[in-house]
ModelCIF file with pLDDT and N, C-alpha, C, O atoms, coordinates in Angstrom:
data_MODEL
#
_entry.id   MODEL 
#
_entity.id                         1 
_entity.type                       polymer 
_entity.pdbx_number_of_molecules   1 
#
_entity_poly.entity_id                      1 
_entity_poly.type                           'polypeptide(L)' 
_entity_poly.nstd_linkage                   no 
_entity_poly.nstd_monomer                   no 
_entity_poly.pdbx_seq_one_letter_code       IVVGCAASLMVLWPVATLIHGSVSLEDAGGGMVYSLENYADILG 
_entity_poly.pdbx_seq_one_letter_code_can   IVVGCAASLMVLWPVATLIHGSVSLEDAGGGMVYSLENYADILG 
_entity_poly.pdbx_strand_id                 A 
#
loop_
_entity_poly_seq.entity_id 
_entity_poly_seq.num 
_entity_poly_seq.mon_id 
_entity_poly_seq.hetero 
1 1  ILE n 
1 2  VAL n 
1 3  VAL n 
1 4  GLY n 
1 5  CYS n 
1 6  ALA n 
1 7  ALA n 
1 8  SER n 
1 9  LEU n 
1 10 MET n 
1 11 VAL n 
1 12 LEU n 
1 13 TRP n 
1 14 PRO n 
1 15 VAL n 
1 16 ALA n 
1 17 THR n 
1 18 LEU n 
1 19 ILE n 
1 20 HIS n 
1 21 GLY n 
1 22 SER n 
1 23 VAL n 
1 24 SER n 
1 25 LEU n 
1 26 GLU n 
1 27 ASP n 
1 28 ALA n 
1 29 GLY n 
1 30 GLY n 
1 31 GLY n 
1 32 MET n 
1 33 VAL n 
1 34 TYR n 
1 35 SER n 
1 36 LEU n 
1 37 GLU n 
1 38 ASN n 
1 39 TYR n 
1 40 ALA n 
1 41 ASP n 
1 42 ILE n 
1 43 LEU n 
1 44 GLY n 
#
_struct_asym.id          A 
_struct_asym.entity_id   1 
#
loop_
_ma_qa_metric.id 
_ma_qa_metric.mode 
_ma_qa_metric.name 
_ma_qa_metric.software_group_id 
_ma_qa_metric.type 
1 global pLDDT . pLDDT 
2 local  pLDDT . pLDDT 
#
_ma_qa_metric_global.metric_id      1 
_ma_qa_metric_global.metric_value   86.82 
_ma_qa_metric_global.model_id       1 
_ma_qa_metric_global.ordinal_id     1 
#
loop_
_ma_qa_metric_local.label_asym_id 
_ma_qa_metric_local.label_comp_id 
_ma_qa_metric_local.label_seq_id 
_ma_qa_metric_local.metric_id 
_ma_qa_metric_local.metric_value 
_ma_qa_metric_local.model_id 
_ma_qa_metric_local.ordinal_id 
A ILE 1  2 91.00 1 1  
A VAL 2  2 92.00 1 2  
A VAL 3  2 94.00 1 3  
A GLY 4  2 93.00 1 4  
A CYS 5  2 94.00 1 5  
A ALA 6  2 94.00 1 6  
A ALA 7  2 93.00 1 7  
A SER 8  2 93.00 1 8  
A LEU 9  2 93.00 1 9  
A MET 10 2 93.00 1 10 
A VAL 11 2 92.00 1 11 
A LEU 12 2 93.00 1 12 
A TRP 13 2 93.00 1 13 
A PRO 14 2 93.00 1 14 
A VAL 15 2 93.00 1 15 
A ALA 16 2 93.00 1 16 
A THR 17 2 92.00 1 17 
A LEU 18 2 91.00 1 18 
A ILE 19 2 91.00 1 19 
A HIS 20 2 89.00 1 20 
A GLY 21 2 87.00 1 21 
A SER 22 2 87.00 1 22 
A VAL 23 2 88.00 1 23 
A SER 24 2 86.00 1 24 
A LEU 25 2 84.00 1 25 
A GLU 26 2 79.00 1 26 
A ASP 27 2 76.00 1 27 
A ALA 28 2 72.00 1 28 
A GLY 29 2 73.00 1 29 
A GLY 30 2 72.00 1 30 
A GLY 31 2 76.00 1 31 
A MET 32 2 81.00 1 32 
A VAL 33 2 84.00 1 33 
A TYR 34 2 84.00 1 34 
A SER 35 2 83.00 1 35 
A LEU 36 2 84.00 1 36 
A GLU 37 2 85.00 1 37 
A ASN 38 2 84.00 1 38 
A TYR 39 2 85.00 1 39 
A ALA 40 2 86.00 1 40 
A ASP 41 2 85.00 1 41 
A ILE 42 2 83.00 1 42 
A LEU 43 2 82.00 1 43 
A GLY 44 2 84.00 1 44 
#
loop_
_atom_site.group_PDB 
_atom_site.id 
_atom_site.type_symbol 
_atom_site.label_atom_id 
_atom_site.label_alt_id 
_atom_site.label_comp_id 
_atom_site.label_asym_id 
_atom_site.label_entity_id 
_atom_site.label_seq_id 
_atom_site.pdbx_PDB_ins_code 
_atom_site.Cartn_x 
_atom_site.Cartn_y 
_atom_site.Cartn_z 
_atom_site.occupancy 
_atom_site.B_iso_or_equiv 
_atom_site.pdbx_formal_charge 
_atom_site.auth_seq_id 
_atom_site.auth_comp_id 
_atom_site.auth_asym_id 
_atom_site.auth_atom_id 
_atom_site.pdbx_PDB_model_num 
ATOM 1   N N  . ILE A 1 1  ? -22.128 15.309  -5.369 1.00 91.00 ? 1  ILE A N  1 
ATOM 2   C CA . ILE A 1 1  ? -21.539 13.966  -5.337 1.00 91.00 ? 1  ILE A CA 1 
ATOM 3   C C  . ILE A 1 1  ? -20.198 13.943  -6.053 1.00 91.00 ? 1  ILE A C  1 
ATOM 4   O O  . ILE A 1 1  ? -19.234 13.351  -5.568 1.00 91.00 ? 1  ILE A O  1 
ATOM 5   N N  . VAL A 1 2  ? -20.143 14.599  -7.225 1.00 92.00 ? 2  VAL A N  1 
ATOM 6   C CA . VAL A 1 2  ? -18.888 14.616  -7.986 1.00 92.00 ? 2  VAL A CA 1 
ATOM 7   C C  . VAL A 1 2  ? -17.802 15.356  -7.217 1.00 92.00 ? 2  VAL A C  1 
ATOM 8   O O  . VAL A 1 2  ? -16.673 14.876  -7.117 1.00 92.00 ? 2  VAL A O  1 
ATOM 9   N N  . VAL A 1 3  ? -18.139 16.522  -6.674 1.00 94.00 ? 3  VAL A N  1 
ATOM 10  C CA . VAL A 1 3  ? -17.142 17.301  -5.922 1.00 94.00 ? 3  VAL A CA 1 
ATOM 11  C C  . VAL A 1 3  ? -16.707 16.543  -4.668 1.00 94.00 ? 3  VAL A C  1 
ATOM 12  O O  . VAL A 1 3  ? -15.526 16.542  -4.319 1.00 94.00 ? 3  VAL A O  1 
ATOM 13  N N  . GLY A 1 4  ? -17.663 15.898  -3.990 1.00 93.00 ? 4  GLY A N  1 
ATOM 14  C CA . GLY A 1 4  ? -17.321 15.135  -2.799 1.00 93.00 ? 4  GLY A CA 1 
ATOM 15  C C  . GLY A 1 4  ? -16.396 13.971  -3.104 1.00 93.00 ? 4  GLY A C  1 
ATOM 16  O O  . GLY A 1 4  ? -15.434 13.727  -2.376 1.00 93.00 ? 4  GLY A O  1 
ATOM 17  N N  . CYS A 1 5  ? -16.686 13.252  -4.182 1.00 94.00 ? 5  CYS A N  1 
ATOM 18  C CA . CYS A 1 5  ? -15.821 12.134  -4.569 1.00 94.00 ? 5  CYS A CA 1 
ATOM 19  C C  . CYS A 1 5  ? -14.434 12.619  -4.968 1.00 94.00 ? 5  CYS A C  1 
ATOM 20  O O  . CYS A 1 5  ? -13.433 12.002  -4.607 1.00 94.00 ? 5  CYS A O  1 
ATOM 21  N N  . ALA A 1 6  ? -14.369 13.726  -5.714 1.00 94.00 ? 6  ALA A N  1 
ATOM 22  C CA . ALA A 1 6  ? -13.069 14.255  -6.122 1.00 94.00 ? 6  ALA A CA 1 
ATOM 23  C C  . ALA A 1 6  ? -12.250 14.722  -4.918 1.00 94.00 ? 6  ALA A C  1 
ATOM 24  O O  . ALA A 1 6  ? -11.051 14.455  -4.835 1.00 94.00 ? 6  ALA A O  1 
ATOM 25  N N  . ALA A 1 7  ? -12.903 15.420  -3.985 1.00 93.00 ? 7  ALA A N  1 
ATOM 26  C CA . ALA A 1 7  ? -12.190 15.883  -2.791 1.00 93.00 ? 7  ALA A CA 1 
ATOM 27  C C  . ALA A 1 7  ? -11.714 14.706  -1.942 1.00 93.00 ? 7  ALA A C  1 
ATOM 28  O O  . ALA A 1 7  ? -10.598 14.720  -1.423 1.00 93.00 ? 7  ALA A O  1 
ATOM 29  N N  . SER A 1 8  ? -12.564 13.687  -1.802 1.00 93.00 ? 8  SER A N  1 
ATOM 30  C CA . SER A 1 8  ? -12.168 12.501  -1.039 1.00 93.00 ? 8  SER A CA 1 
ATOM 31  C C  . SER A 1 8  ? -10.985 11.802  -1.687 1.00 93.00 ? 8  SER A C  1 
ATOM 32  O O  . SER A 1 8  ? -10.075 11.337  -1.001 1.00 93.00 ? 8  SER A O  1 
ATOM 33  N N  . LEU A 1 9  ? -11.002 11.731  -3.006 1.00 93.00 ? 9  LEU A N  1 
ATOM 34  C CA . LEU A 1 9  ? -9.894  11.075  -3.712 1.00 93.00 ? 9  LEU A CA 1 
ATOM 35  C C  . LEU A 1 9  ? -8.596  11.859  -3.540 1.00 93.00 ? 9  LEU A C  1 
ATOM 36  O O  . LEU A 1 9  ? -7.532  11.269  -3.350 1.00 93.00 ? 9  LEU A O  1 
ATOM 37  N N  . MET A 1 10 ? -8.682  13.189  -3.606 1.00 93.00 ? 10 MET A N  1 
ATOM 38  C CA . MET A 1 10 ? -7.482  14.004  -3.449 1.00 93.00 ? 10 MET A CA 1 
ATOM 39  C C  . MET A 1 10 ? -6.900  13.911  -2.043 1.00 93.00 ? 10 MET A C  1 
ATOM 40  O O  . MET A 1 10 ? -5.697  14.095  -1.857 1.00 93.00 ? 10 MET A O  1 
ATOM 41  N N  . VAL A 1 11 ? -7.737  13.629  -1.061 1.00 92.00 ? 11 VAL A N  1 
ATOM 42  C CA . VAL A 1 11 ? -7.250  13.504  0.315  1.00 92.00 ? 11 VAL A CA 1 
ATOM 43  C C  . VAL A 1 11 ? -6.809  12.079  0.615  1.00 92.00 ? 11 VAL A C  1 
ATOM 44  O O  . VAL A 1 11 ? -5.733  11.864  1.174  1.00 92.00 ? 11 VAL A O  1 
ATOM 45  N N  . LEU A 1 12 ? -7.636  11.106  0.245  1.00 93.00 ? 12 LEU A N  1 
ATOM 46  C CA . LEU A 1 12 ? -7.367  9.724   0.629  1.00 93.00 ? 12 LEU A CA 1 
ATOM 47  C C  . LEU A 1 12 ? -6.237  9.089   -0.160 1.00 93.00 ? 12 LEU A C  1 
ATOM 48  O O  . LEU A 1 12 ? -5.507  8.258   0.381  1.00 93.00 ? 12 LEU A O  1 
ATOM 49  N N  . TRP A 1 13 ? -6.071  9.459   -1.435 1.00 93.00 ? 13 TRP A N  1 
ATOM 50  C CA . TRP A 1 13 ? -5.029  8.827   -2.246 1.00 93.00 ? 13 TRP A CA 1 
ATOM 51  C C  . TRP A 1 13 ? -3.624  9.134   -1.710 1.00 93.00 ? 13 TRP A C  1 
ATOM 52  O O  . TRP A 1 13 ? -2.831  8.202   -1.570 1.00 93.00 ? 13 TRP A O  1 
ATOM 53  N N  . PRO A 1 14 ? -3.276  10.392  -1.403 1.00 93.00 ? 14 PRO A N  1 
ATOM 54  C CA . PRO A 1 14 ? -1.944  10.630  -0.820 1.00 93.00 ? 14 PRO A CA 1 
ATOM 55  C C  . PRO A 1 14 ? -1.763  9.956   0.542  1.00 93.00 ? 14 PRO A C  1 
ATOM 56  O O  . PRO A 1 14 ? -0.679  9.463   0.854  1.00 93.00 ? 14 PRO A O  1 
ATOM 57  N N  . VAL A 1 15 ? -2.824  9.937   1.351  1.00 93.00 ? 15 VAL A N  1 
ATOM 58  C CA . VAL A 1 15 ? -2.710  9.281   2.659  1.00 93.00 ? 15 VAL A CA 1 
ATOM 59  C C  . VAL A 1 15 ? -2.471  7.789   2.489  1.00 93.00 ? 15 VAL A C  1 
ATOM 60  O O  . VAL A 1 15 ? -1.627  7.209   3.171  1.00 93.00 ? 15 VAL A O  1 
ATOM 61  N N  . ALA A 1 16 ? -3.213  7.171   1.583  1.00 93.00 ? 16 ALA A N  1 
ATOM 62  C CA . ALA A 1 16 ? -3.025  5.739   1.336  1.00 93.00 ? 16 ALA A CA 1 
ATOM 63  C C  . ALA A 1 16 ? -1.626  5.454   0.796  1.00 93.00 ? 16 ALA A C  1 
ATOM 64  O O  . ALA A 1 16 ? -1.007  4.461   1.178  1.00 93.00 ? 16 ALA A O  1 
ATOM 65  N N  . THR A 1 17 ? -1.120  6.317   -0.091 1.00 92.00 ? 17 THR A N  1 
ATOM 66  C CA . THR A 1 17 ? 0.235   6.141   -0.606 1.00 92.00 ? 17 THR A CA 1 
ATOM 67  C C  . THR A 1 17 ? 1.269   6.266   0.507  1.00 92.00 ? 17 THR A C  1 
ATOM 68  O O  . THR A 1 17 ? 2.239   5.508   0.550  1.00 92.00 ? 17 THR A O  1 
ATOM 69  N N  . LEU A 1 18 ? 1.060   7.220   1.403  1.00 91.00 ? 18 LEU A N  1 
ATOM 70  C CA . LEU A 1 18 ? 1.985   7.407   2.522  1.00 91.00 ? 18 LEU A CA 1 
ATOM 71  C C  . LEU A 1 18 ? 1.981   6.200   3.448  1.00 91.00 ? 18 LEU A C  1 
ATOM 72  O O  . LEU A 1 18 ? 3.043   5.736   3.861  1.00 91.00 ? 18 LEU A O  1 
ATOM 73  N N  . ILE A 1 19 ? 0.799   5.685   3.781  1.00 91.00 ? 19 ILE A N  1 
ATOM 74  C CA . ILE A 1 19 ? 0.712   4.517   4.657  1.00 91.00 ? 19 ILE A CA 1 
ATOM 75  C C  . ILE A 1 19 ? 1.339   3.298   3.993  1.00 91.00 ? 19 ILE A C  1 
ATOM 76  O O  . ILE A 1 19 ? 2.057   2.537   4.642  1.00 91.00 ? 19 ILE A O  1 
ATOM 77  N N  . HIS A 1 20 ? 1.072   3.109   2.702  1.00 89.00 ? 20 HIS A N  1 
ATOM 78  C CA . HIS A 1 20 ? 1.649   1.968   1.988  1.00 89.00 ? 20 HIS A CA 1 
ATOM 79  C C  . HIS A 1 20 ? 3.174   2.053   1.969  1.00 89.00 ? 20 HIS A C  1 
ATOM 80  O O  . HIS A 1 20 ? 3.850   1.043   2.166  1.00 89.00 ? 20 HIS A O  1 
ATOM 81  N N  . GLY A 1 21 ? 3.717   3.231   1.737  1.00 87.00 ? 21 GLY A N  1 
ATOM 82  C CA . GLY A 1 21 ? 5.162   3.386   1.726  1.00 87.00 ? 21 GLY A CA 1 
ATOM 83  C C  . GLY A 1 21 ? 5.798   3.174   3.085  1.00 87.00 ? 21 GLY A C  1 
ATOM 84  O O  . GLY A 1 21 ? 6.947   2.743   3.180  1.00 87.00 ? 21 GLY A O  1 
ATOM 85  N N  . SER A 1 22 ? 5.040   3.481   4.155  1.00 87.00 ? 22 SER A N  1 
ATOM 86  C CA . SER A 1 22 ? 5.605   3.339   5.498  1.00 87.00 ? 22 SER A CA 1 
ATOM 87  C C  . SER A 1 22 ? 5.697   1.889   5.950  1.00 87.00 ? 22 SER A C  1 
ATOM 88  O O  . SER A 1 22 ? 6.508   1.570   6.819  1.00 87.00 ? 22 SER A O  1 
ATOM 89  N N  . VAL A 1 23 ? 4.883   1.005   5.380  1.00 88.00 ? 23 VAL A N  1 
ATOM 90  C CA . VAL A 1 23 ? 4.888   -0.398  5.812  1.00 88.00 ? 23 VAL A CA 1 
ATOM 91  C C  . VAL A 1 23 ? 5.505   -1.320  4.769  1.00 88.00 ? 23 VAL A C  1 
ATOM 92  O O  . VAL A 1 23 ? 5.538   -2.532  4.979  1.00 88.00 ? 23 VAL A O  1 
ATOM 93  N N  . SER A 1 24 ? 5.992   -0.791  3.661  1.00 86.00 ? 24 SER A N  1 
ATOM 94  C CA . SER A 1 24 ? 6.574   -1.630  2.615  1.00 86.00 ? 24 SER A CA 1 
ATOM 95  C C  . SER A 1 24 ? 8.089   -1.504  2.628  1.00 86.00 ? 24 SER A C  1 
ATOM 96  O O  . SER A 1 24 ? 8.633   -0.405  2.730  1.00 86.00 ? 24 SER A O  1 
ATOM 97  N N  . LEU A 1 25 ? 8.762   -2.640  2.524  1.00 84.00 ? 25 LEU A N  1 
ATOM 98  C CA . LEU A 1 25 ? 10.212  -2.706  2.497  1.00 84.00 ? 25 LEU A CA 1 
ATOM 99  C C  . LEU A 1 25 ? 10.655  -3.557  1.314  1.00 84.00 ? 25 LEU A C  1 
ATOM 100 O O  . LEU A 1 25 ? 9.906   -4.409  0.836  1.00 84.00 ? 25 LEU A O  1 
ATOM 101 N N  . GLU A 1 26 ? 11.868  -3.321  0.850  1.00 79.00 ? 26 GLU A N  1 
ATOM 102 C CA . GLU A 1 26 ? 12.424  -4.113  -0.240 1.00 79.00 ? 26 GLU A CA 1 
ATOM 103 C C  . GLU A 1 26 ? 13.337  -5.188  0.348  1.00 79.00 ? 26 GLU A C  1 
ATOM 104 O O  . GLU A 1 26 ? 14.266  -4.886  1.097  1.00 79.00 ? 26 GLU A O  1 
ATOM 105 N N  . ASP A 1 27 ? 13.065  -6.429  0.002  1.00 76.00 ? 27 ASP A N  1 
ATOM 106 C CA . ASP A 1 27 ? 13.873  -7.522  0.542  1.00 76.00 ? 27 ASP A CA 1 
ATOM 107 C C  . ASP A 1 27 ? 15.145  -7.706  -0.288 1.00 76.00 ? 27 ASP A C  1 
ATOM 108 O O  . ASP A 1 27 ? 15.394  -6.961  -1.235 1.00 76.00 ? 27 ASP A O  1 
ATOM 109 N N  . ALA A 1 28 ? 15.948  -8.714  0.084  1.00 72.00 ? 28 ALA A N  1 
ATOM 110 C CA . ALA A 1 28 ? 17.239  -8.939  -0.577 1.00 72.00 ? 28 ALA A CA 1 
ATOM 111 C C  . ALA A 1 28 ? 17.075  -9.294  -2.051 1.00 72.00 ? 28 ALA A C  1 
ATOM 112 O O  . ALA A 1 28 ? 17.946  -8.980  -2.863 1.00 72.00 ? 28 ALA A O  1 
ATOM 113 N N  . GLY A 1 29 ? 15.979  -9.939  -2.400 1.00 73.00 ? 29 GLY A N  1 
ATOM 114 C CA . GLY A 1 29 ? 15.758  -10.333 -3.780 1.00 73.00 ? 29 GLY A CA 1 
ATOM 115 C C  . GLY A 1 29 ? 15.136  -9.262  -4.641 1.00 73.00 ? 29 GLY A C  1 
ATOM 116 O O  . GLY A 1 29 ? 14.836  -9.511  -5.809 1.00 73.00 ? 29 GLY A O  1 
ATOM 117 N N  . GLY A 1 30 ? 14.931  -8.070  -4.097 1.00 72.00 ? 30 GLY A N  1 
ATOM 118 C CA . GLY A 1 30 ? 14.326  -6.990  -4.864 1.00 72.00 ? 30 GLY A CA 1 
ATOM 119 C C  . GLY A 1 30 ? 12.815  -6.982  -4.813 1.00 72.00 ? 30 GLY A C  1 
ATOM 120 O O  . GLY A 1 30 ? 12.180  -6.139  -5.447 1.00 72.00 ? 30 GLY A O  1 
ATOM 121 N N  . GLY A 1 31 ? 12.221  -7.912  -4.066 1.00 76.00 ? 31 GLY A N  1 
ATOM 122 C CA . GLY A 1 31 ? 10.771  -7.947  -3.937 1.00 76.00 ? 31 GLY A CA 1 
ATOM 123 C C  . GLY A 1 31 ? 10.279  -7.008  -2.836 1.00 76.00 ? 31 GLY A C  1 
ATOM 124 O O  . GLY A 1 31 ? 11.067  -6.387  -2.123 1.00 76.00 ? 31 GLY A O  1 
ATOM 125 N N  . MET A 1 32 ? 8.975   -6.926  -2.723 1.00 81.00 ? 32 MET A N  1 
ATOM 126 C CA . MET A 1 32 ? 8.348   -6.034  -1.752 1.00 81.00 ? 32 MET A CA 1 
ATOM 127 C C  . MET A 1 32 ? 7.756   -6.861  -0.623 1.00 81.00 ? 32 MET A C  1 
ATOM 128 O O  . MET A 1 32 ? 7.006   -7.807  -0.863 1.00 81.00 ? 32 MET A O  1 
ATOM 129 N N  . VAL A 1 33 ? 8.095   -6.501  0.610  1.00 84.00 ? 33 VAL A N  1 
ATOM 130 C CA . VAL A 1 33 ? 7.530   -7.151  1.797  1.00 84.00 ? 33 VAL A CA 1 
ATOM 131 C C  . VAL A 1 33 ? 6.925   -6.069  2.675  1.00 84.00 ? 33 VAL A C  1 
ATOM 132 O O  . VAL A 1 33 ? 7.309   -4.902  2.592  1.00 84.00 ? 33 VAL A O  1 
ATOM 133 N N  . TYR A 1 34 ? 5.979   -6.461  3.513  1.00 84.00 ? 34 TYR A N  1 
ATOM 134 C CA . TYR A 1 34 ? 5.310   -5.533  4.405  1.00 84.00 ? 34 TYR A CA 1 
ATOM 135 C C  . TYR A 1 34 ? 5.765   -5.795  5.835  1.00 84.00 ? 34 TYR A C  1 
ATOM 136 O O  . TYR A 1 34 ? 5.797   -6.936  6.295  1.00 84.00 ? 34 TYR A O  1 
ATOM 137 N N  . SER A 1 35 ? 6.114   -4.716  6.526  1.00 83.00 ? 35 SER A N  1 
ATOM 138 C CA . SER A 1 35 ? 6.634   -4.840  7.880  1.00 83.00 ? 35 SER A CA 1 
ATOM 139 C C  . SER A 1 35 ? 6.426   -3.525  8.622  1.00 83.00 ? 35 SER A C  1 
ATOM 140 O O  . SER A 1 35 ? 6.264   -2.469  8.011  1.00 83.00 ? 35 SER A O  1 
ATOM 141 N N  . LEU A 1 36 ? 6.433   -3.607  9.941  1.00 84.00 ? 36 LEU A N  1 
ATOM 142 C CA . LEU A 1 36 ? 6.345   -2.418  10.796 1.00 84.00 ? 36 LEU A CA 1 
ATOM 143 C C  . LEU A 1 36 ? 7.725   -1.972  11.270 1.00 84.00 ? 36 LEU A C  1 
ATOM 144 O O  . LEU A 1 36 ? 7.835   -1.246  12.258 1.00 84.00 ? 36 LEU A O  1 
ATOM 145 N N  . GLU A 1 37 ? 8.761   -2.393  10.586 1.00 85.00 ? 37 GLU A N  1 
ATOM 146 C CA . GLU A 1 37 ? 10.129  -2.086  10.999 1.00 85.00 ? 37 GLU A CA 1 
ATOM 147 C C  . GLU A 1 37 ? 10.403  -0.584  10.969 1.00 85.00 ? 37 GLU A C  1 
ATOM 148 O O  . GLU A 1 37 ? 11.134  -0.067  11.814 1.00 85.00 ? 37 GLU A O  1 
ATOM 149 N N  . ASN A 1 38 ? 9.822   0.113   10.000 1.00 84.00 ? 38 ASN A N  1 
ATOM 150 C CA . ASN A 1 38 ? 10.029  1.561   9.931  1.00 84.00 ? 38 ASN A CA 1 
ATOM 151 C C  . ASN A 1 38 ? 9.493   2.260   11.170 1.00 84.00 ? 38 ASN A C  1 
ATOM 152 O O  . ASN A 1 38 ? 10.131  3.172   11.695 1.00 84.00 ? 38 ASN A O  1 
ATOM 153 N N  . TYR A 1 39 ? 8.326   1.840   11.640 1.00 85.00 ? 39 TYR A N  1 
ATOM 154 C CA . TYR A 1 39 ? 7.748   2.437   12.844 1.00 85.00 ? 39 TYR A CA 1 
ATOM 155 C C  . TYR A 1 39 ? 8.601   2.106   14.066 1.00 85.00 ? 39 TYR A C  1 
ATOM 156 O O  . TYR A 1 39 ? 8.781   2.949   14.944 1.00 85.00 ? 39 TYR A O  1 
ATOM 157 N N  . ALA A 1 40 ? 9.124   0.886   14.126 1.00 86.00 ? 40 ALA A N  1 
ATOM 158 C CA . ALA A 1 40 ? 9.986   0.518   15.245 1.00 86.00 ? 40 ALA A CA 1 
ATOM 159 C C  . ALA A 1 40 ? 11.259  1.357   15.257 1.00 86.00 ? 40 ALA A C  1 
ATOM 160 O O  . ALA A 1 40 ? 11.724  1.764   16.322 1.00 86.00 ? 40 ALA A O  1 
ATOM 161 N N  . ASP A 1 41 ? 11.824  1.618   14.078 1.00 85.00 ? 41 ASP A N  1 
ATOM 162 C CA . ASP A 1 41 ? 13.024  2.455   14.003 1.00 85.00 ? 41 ASP A CA 1 
ATOM 163 C C  . ASP A 1 41 ? 12.745  3.879   14.480 1.00 85.00 ? 41 ASP A C  1 
ATOM 164 O O  . ASP A 1 41 ? 13.554  4.482   15.185 1.00 85.00 ? 41 ASP A O  1 
ATOM 165 N N  . ILE A 1 42 ? 11.593  4.400   14.086 1.00 83.00 ? 42 ILE A N  1 
ATOM 166 C CA . ILE A 1 42 ? 11.253  5.773   14.483 1.00 83.00 ? 42 ILE A CA 1 
ATOM 167 C C  . ILE A 1 42 ? 11.050  5.860   15.991 1.00 83.00 ? 42 ILE A C  1 
ATOM 168 O O  . ILE A 1 42 ? 11.598  6.748   16.644 1.00 83.00 ? 42 ILE A O  1 
ATOM 169 N N  . LEU A 1 43 ? 10.265  4.943   16.541 1.00 82.00 ? 43 LEU A N  1 
ATOM 170 C CA . LEU A 1 43 ? 9.988   4.996   17.977 1.00 82.00 ? 43 LEU A CA 1 
ATOM 171 C C  . LEU A 1 43 ? 11.215  4.636   18.804 1.00 82.00 ? 43 LEU A C  1 
ATOM 172 O O  . LEU A 1 43 ? 11.284  4.986   19.982 1.00 82.00 ? 43 LEU A O  1 
ATOM 173 N N  . GLY A 1 44 ? 12.172  3.951   18.217 1.00 84.00 ? 44 GLY A N  1 
ATOM 174 C CA . GLY A 1 44 ? 13.398  3.626   18.937 1.00 84.00 ? 44 GLY A CA 1 
ATOM 175 C C  . GLY A 1 44 ? 14.386  4.765   19.000 1.00 84.00 ? 44 GLY A C  1 
ATOM 176 O O  . GLY A 1 44 ? 15.462  4.618   19.581 1.00 84.00 ? 44 GLY A O  1 
#
């Protein structure tokens, strides 16, 4: 159980960080907003 939880954390945490970074943008006021604009730019 301990090894399984540790392995899952080592895999899921970087993936979650990557997904969060891909959908988060900084607005004009310095705040954080969520958008799919990055995916649209890539596919365009």
